[in-house]
Amino acid sequence: MTSTQHEHISKKRILYTVPGMDNVIVRRDHEYAGRETGSLTMDLYYPADAGHRALPPAVVFVTGFSDAGAQRMLGCKFKDMGSYISWAEIVAASGMVGITYENMEPASDAQAALDHVREHASQLGIDGTRIAVWSCSGNVPTALSLLTRRPAGLNLAVLCYGYMLDDEKTTSVADAASRFGFANPAATNTIEDLPPDLALFIVRAGQDQMPGLNDTIDRFLHRAMKANLSITFVNHAAAPHAFDVYSDDQTSRDVIAQILQFMRSRLAVT
């Protein structure tokens, strides 16, 4: 992959905007964990009027790839990609705090980031009882692993065009993790490990070409319905993988708007 391609992918933003995205307040490089190789930091994106309202809820953008690999492949850390920056900005402009973070060990660092947000919520200017996670693609298994631990204060999860869970008869997620290099800490988990009262928003891209991905979503939905989990499901029938940055059409924008409205409603944003 050329440096020009690196730059193009790393700077690509989501194809939807709302008023106020240019005015959000960004707190960069806040340390959330220490490692032998140095501290790990997160960036927090606040609504422009955050200091004049009750503590807002937070949305943590969970990644499942090490930043060491991301920097080799993309030229930057995940939290510095245009897609993550613009998602965090649009969340902040919608009345929540968007949180992106750097990581070296996806599963443990995701847990550390979420724990830090929960344990230091008031110092961070966040309502620790209203937290969501957002994840996509090969990052979703790491998010699912967090959900199975049922952390207090976590109200919902948005899972977009992601690899979900294998079962006793399938290895699609494990095969993709091996091929693409994402973490799969939920490998031994089942639907029954997910909190029954956790609200899930699941998005499927109907034209997704990632091997086996949509099959994992289809199986997950079938089992989730049998378990009577709280699920909102959207199938963007014409969409490719990563439609939020690659498919510039009204349906893509409508789906992003639905995600934002779901988060605002479930997190009681006024």
Protein backbone atom coordinates (compact mmCIF):
# COMPACT_ATOMS: atom_id res chain seq x y z
CA MET A 1 0.00 0.00 0.00
CA THR A 2 1.46 3.37 -1.00
CA SER A 3 1.90 6.38 1.28
CA THR A 4 -0.78 8.18 -0.76
CA GLN A 5 -3.24 5.36 -0.01
CA HIS A 6 -2.21 5.49 3.67
CA GLU A 7 -3.05 9.17 3.78
CA HIS A 8 -6.34 8.74 1.97
CA ILE A 9 -7.61 5.99 4.29
CA SER A 10 -6.36 7.60 7.49
CA LYS A 11 -7.98 10.96 6.71
CA LYS A 12 -11.34 9.70 5.42
CA ARG A 13 -14.25 11.02 7.51
CA ILE A 14 -17.80 9.77 7.94
CA LEU A 15 -20.25 10.96 5.29
CA TYR A 16 -22.65 12.77 7.60
CA THR A 17 -22.46 15.97 9.59
CA VAL A 18 -24.54 17.78 12.18
CA PRO A 19 -24.35 21.41 13.34
CA GLY A 20 -21.74 22.06 15.99
CA MET A 21 -19.11 19.52 14.96
CA ASP A 22 -16.59 22.31 14.39
CA ASN A 23 -17.13 23.69 17.89
CA VAL A 24 -16.63 20.63 20.08
CA ILE A 25 -14.07 20.83 22.88
CA VAL A 26 -11.24 18.29 22.60
CA ARG A 27 -9.09 17.13 25.50
CA ARG A 28 -6.19 15.29 23.90
CA ASP A 29 -3.73 12.76 25.27
CA HIS A 30 -5.31 12.18 28.67
CA GLU A 31 -3.42 9.30 30.30
CA TYR A 32 -5.64 6.36 31.20
CA ALA A 33 -3.10 3.56 31.80
CA GLY A 34 0.60 3.03 32.26
CA ARG A 35 2.57 0.32 30.47
CA GLU A 36 6.23 -0.72 30.46
CA THR A 37 6.56 0.90 27.06
CA GLY A 38 4.99 4.14 28.28
CA SER A 39 1.60 5.61 29.11
CA LEU A 40 -1.53 5.07 27.05
CA THR A 41 -3.76 8.04 26.34
CA MET A 42 -7.28 8.85 25.24
CA ASP A 43 -8.87 11.82 23.52
CA LEU A 44 -12.17 13.15 24.85
CA TYR A 45 -14.55 15.17 22.66
CA TYR A 46 -17.03 17.29 24.64
CA PRO A 47 -20.13 19.22 23.57
CA ALA A 48 -19.38 22.90 23.13
CA ASP A 49 -21.67 23.74 26.07
CA ALA A 50 -20.42 20.92 28.32
CA GLY A 51 -19.57 23.32 31.13
CA HIS A 52 -23.09 24.70 31.21
CA ARG A 53 -25.15 21.51 31.45
CA ALA A 54 -25.50 18.43 33.64
CA LEU A 55 -22.76 15.85 33.23
CA PRO A 56 -23.21 14.27 29.78
CA PRO A 57 -23.03 10.56 28.96
CA ALA A 58 -20.06 9.08 27.12
CA VAL A 59 -19.50 6.88 24.07
CA VAL A 60 -16.28 4.85 24.02
CA PHE A 61 -15.09 3.86 20.53
CA VAL A 62 -13.69 0.36 21.01
CA THR A 63 -10.86 -0.91 18.80
CA GLY A 64 -9.70 -4.48 18.36
CA PHE A 65 -6.44 -3.97 16.48
CA SER A 66 -3.15 -2.96 18.09
CA ASP A 67 -2.02 0.55 17.21
CA ALA A 68 1.40 -0.88 16.37
CA GLY A 69 -0.20 -2.71 13.46
CA ALA A 70 -2.40 0.27 12.60
CA GLN A 71 0.60 2.54 12.30
CA ARG A 72 2.33 0.09 9.98
CA MET A 73 -0.76 -0.35 7.79
CA LEU A 74 -2.41 3.07 8.00
CA GLY A 75 0.32 5.43 9.09
CA CYS A 76 -1.44 6.48 12.31
CA LYS A 77 -3.15 5.23 15.45
CA PHE A 78 -6.85 4.44 15.28
CA LYS A 79 -7.78 7.42 17.45
CA ASP A 80 -6.08 9.73 14.93
CA MET A 81 -7.94 8.41 11.88
CA GLY A 82 -10.41 10.77 10.25
CA SER A 83 -13.25 8.29 10.68
CA TYR A 84 -12.77 8.00 14.46
CA ILE A 85 -12.22 11.73 14.89
CA SER A 86 -15.39 12.57 12.94
CA TRP A 87 -17.47 9.95 14.78
CA ALA A 88 -16.28 11.39 18.10
CA GLU A 89 -17.04 14.93 16.90
CA ILE A 90 -20.54 14.04 15.75
CA VAL A 91 -21.25 12.31 19.07
CA ALA A 92 -20.04 15.38 20.96
CA ALA A 93 -22.13 17.69 18.79
CA SER A 94 -25.11 15.46 19.66
CA GLY A 95 -24.73 16.09 23.40
CA MET A 96 -22.46 13.22 24.47
CA VAL A 97 -18.73 12.81 25.10
CA GLY A 98 -16.91 10.86 22.39
CA ILE A 99 -13.85 8.95 23.62
CA THR A 100 -11.13 7.45 21.44
CA TYR A 101 -8.00 5.84 22.84
CA GLU A 102 -4.68 4.31 21.87
CA ASN A 103 -3.88 0.67 22.62
CA MET A 104 -1.17 -1.95 22.39
CA GLU A 105 -3.08 -4.97 23.72
CA PRO A 106 -6.64 -4.58 22.40
CA ALA A 107 -8.58 -6.64 24.94
CA SER A 108 -6.85 -5.49 28.13
CA ASP A 109 -6.47 -1.89 26.98
CA ALA A 110 -10.12 -1.62 25.99
CA GLN A 111 -11.05 -2.82 29.45
CA ALA A 112 -8.60 -0.37 31.03
CA ALA A 113 -10.01 2.52 29.00
CA LEU A 114 -13.60 1.68 29.98
CA ASP A 115 -12.62 1.18 33.62
CA HIS A 116 -10.86 4.53 33.68
CA VAL A 117 -13.88 6.32 32.28
CA ARG A 118 -16.18 4.68 34.82
CA GLU A 119 -13.88 5.16 37.83
CA HIS A 120 -12.91 8.76 37.03
CA ALA A 121 -16.16 9.88 35.46
CA SER A 122 -16.75 12.94 37.62
CA GLN A 123 -13.18 14.22 37.16
CA LEU A 124 -13.60 13.74 33.41
CA GLY A 125 -16.90 15.62 33.38
CA ILE A 126 -18.93 12.52 32.50
CA ASP A 127 -21.99 10.83 33.96
CA GLY A 128 -20.57 7.42 34.85
CA THR A 129 -24.01 5.84 34.97
CA ARG A 130 -24.61 6.54 31.27
CA ILE A 131 -21.93 4.98 29.09
CA ALA A 132 -22.11 3.37 25.65
CA VAL A 133 -19.63 1.59 23.42
CA TRP A 134 -19.44 1.86 19.62
CA SER A 135 -17.48 -0.60 17.52
CA CYS A 136 -17.25 -1.79 13.93
CA SER A 137 -15.76 -4.45 11.66
CA GLY A 138 -12.99 -6.56 13.23
CA ASN A 139 -13.13 -4.43 16.36
CA VAL A 140 -16.49 -5.88 17.40
CA PRO A 141 -15.19 -9.08 19.08
CA THR A 142 -13.28 -6.90 21.55
CA ALA A 143 -16.43 -4.88 22.24
CA LEU A 144 -18.46 -8.07 22.74
CA SER A 145 -15.88 -9.28 25.24
CA LEU A 146 -16.36 -6.08 27.24
CA LEU A 147 -20.13 -6.53 27.19
CA THR A 148 -19.95 -10.06 28.59
CA ARG A 149 -18.29 -8.67 31.71
CA ARG A 150 -21.43 -6.62 32.38
CA PRO A 151 -19.70 -3.45 33.61
CA ALA A 152 -21.79 -1.12 35.74
CA GLY A 153 -22.89 2.04 33.98
CA LEU A 154 -22.76 0.55 30.49
CA ASN A 155 -26.19 1.05 28.95
CA LEU A 156 -25.85 0.19 25.28
CA ALA A 157 -23.62 -0.90 22.43
CA VAL A 158 -23.63 0.01 18.75
CA LEU A 159 -22.08 -2.72 16.60
CA CYS A 160 -21.65 -1.79 12.94
CA TYR A 161 -20.86 -4.25 10.13
CA GLY A 162 -18.84 -6.39 12.55
CA TYR A 163 -17.67 -9.92 13.10
CA MET A 164 -19.82 -11.25 15.93
CA LEU A 165 -19.55 -14.64 17.71
CA ASP A 166 -18.64 -18.09 16.49
CA ASP A 167 -20.59 -21.06 17.78
CA GLU A 168 -19.73 -24.73 18.23
CA LYS A 169 -20.18 -25.35 14.49
CA THR A 170 -18.50 -22.28 12.96
CA THR A 171 -15.05 -20.66 12.87
CA SER A 172 -15.75 -17.59 10.71
CA VAL A 173 -14.66 -15.07 13.34
CA ALA A 174 -11.58 -17.05 14.35
CA ASP A 175 -10.58 -17.48 10.71
CA ALA A 176 -10.98 -13.76 10.00
CA ALA A 177 -9.07 -12.83 13.17
CA SER A 178 -6.19 -15.00 12.04
CA ARG A 179 -6.28 -13.58 8.53
CA PHE A 180 -6.69 -9.89 9.34
CA GLY A 181 -4.98 -9.66 12.72
CA PHE A 182 -7.74 -8.44 15.00
CA ALA A 183 -8.17 -9.63 18.56
CA ASN A 184 -10.84 -12.21 19.33
CA PRO A 185 -11.19 -12.16 23.12
CA ALA A 186 -14.86 -13.25 22.89
CA ALA A 187 -13.87 -16.56 21.26
CA THR A 188 -15.24 -18.63 24.14
CA ASN A 189 -18.31 -16.49 24.77
CA THR A 190 -21.90 -17.22 23.77
CA ILE A 191 -25.10 -15.21 23.47
CA GLU A 192 -25.99 -16.27 27.01
CA ASP A 193 -23.00 -14.31 28.34
CA LEU A 194 -24.44 -10.98 27.18
CA PRO A 195 -26.47 -8.89 29.65
CA PRO A 196 -30.18 -9.43 28.87
CA ASP A 197 -31.03 -5.80 29.65
CA LEU A 198 -28.27 -4.24 27.52
CA ALA A 199 -29.59 -2.37 24.48
CA LEU A 200 -27.86 -3.38 21.24
CA PHE A 201 -27.98 -1.52 17.93
CA ILE A 202 -26.68 -3.77 15.15
CA VAL A 203 -26.03 -2.61 11.61
CA ARG A 204 -25.55 -4.99 8.68
CA ALA A 205 -24.13 -3.88 5.32
CA GLY A 206 -25.97 -5.99 2.74
CA GLN A 207 -23.17 -5.90 0.15
CA ASP A 208 -20.36 -6.54 2.63
CA GLN A 209 -17.62 -8.60 0.97
CA MET A 210 -15.61 -9.39 4.10
CA PRO A 211 -15.40 -13.21 4.24
CA GLY A 212 -18.08 -14.73 6.45
CA LEU A 213 -18.93 -11.46 8.19
CA ASN A 214 -22.61 -11.20 7.36
CA ASP A 215 -23.09 -14.87 8.18
CA THR A 216 -21.86 -14.14 11.71
CA ILE A 217 -24.37 -11.28 12.01
CA ASP A 218 -27.21 -13.45 10.71
CA ARG A 219 -26.43 -16.24 13.17
CA PHE A 220 -26.03 -13.76 16.02
CA LEU A 221 -29.42 -12.21 15.32
CA HIS A 222 -31.13 -15.60 15.20
CA ARG A 223 -29.66 -16.65 18.55
CA ALA A 224 -30.25 -13.21 20.09
CA MET A 225 -33.93 -13.37 19.18
CA LYS A 226 -34.23 -16.79 20.79
CA ALA A 227 -32.58 -15.35 23.91
CA ASN A 228 -34.97 -12.35 23.75
CA LEU A 229 -32.18 -9.76 23.91
CA SER A 230 -32.95 -6.09 23.45
CA ILE A 231 -31.94 -5.47 19.83
CA THR A 232 -32.51 -2.75 17.27
CA PHE A 233 -31.40 -3.98 13.84
CA VAL A 234 -30.82 -2.08 10.61
CA ASN A 235 -29.94 -3.77 7.32
CA HIS A 236 -28.48 -1.29 4.81
CA ALA A 237 -29.17 -3.59 1.86
CA ALA A 238 -27.10 -1.76 -0.77
CA ALA A 239 -24.17 -0.87 1.46
CA PRO A 240 -20.58 -2.10 1.29
CA HIS A 241 -18.34 -2.65 4.29
CA ALA A 242 -17.56 0.63 6.11
CA PHE A 243 -20.47 2.35 4.36
CA ASP A 244 -20.29 5.27 6.79
CA VAL A 245 -17.08 6.43 5.09
CA TYR A 246 -17.41 4.88 1.62
CA SER A 247 -21.08 4.96 0.59
CA ASP A 248 -22.16 8.56 0.07
CA ASP A 249 -25.93 8.09 -0.23
CA GLN A 250 -29.00 9.16 1.68
CA THR A 251 -29.57 5.74 3.23
CA SER A 252 -26.07 5.75 4.73
CA ARG A 253 -26.72 9.16 6.21
CA ASP A 254 -30.10 8.00 7.51
CA VAL A 255 -28.50 5.02 9.25
CA ILE A 256 -25.89 7.21 10.95
CA ALA A 257 -28.68 9.53 12.06
CA GLN A 258 -30.57 6.52 13.47
CA ILE A 259 -27.50 5.47 15.43
CA LEU A 260 -27.15 8.94 16.94
CA GLN A 261 -30.84 9.11 17.81
CA PHE A 262 -30.68 5.65 19.41
CA MET A 263 -27.75 6.69 21.58
CA ARG A 264 -29.35 10.00 22.52
CA SER A 265 -32.63 8.31 23.44
CA ARG A 266 -31.15 5.43 25.42
CA LEU A 267 -28.67 7.71 27.21
CA ALA A 268 -31.39 10.26 27.94
CA VAL A 269 -29.68 13.19 26.24
CA THR A 270 -31.84 16.29 26.38
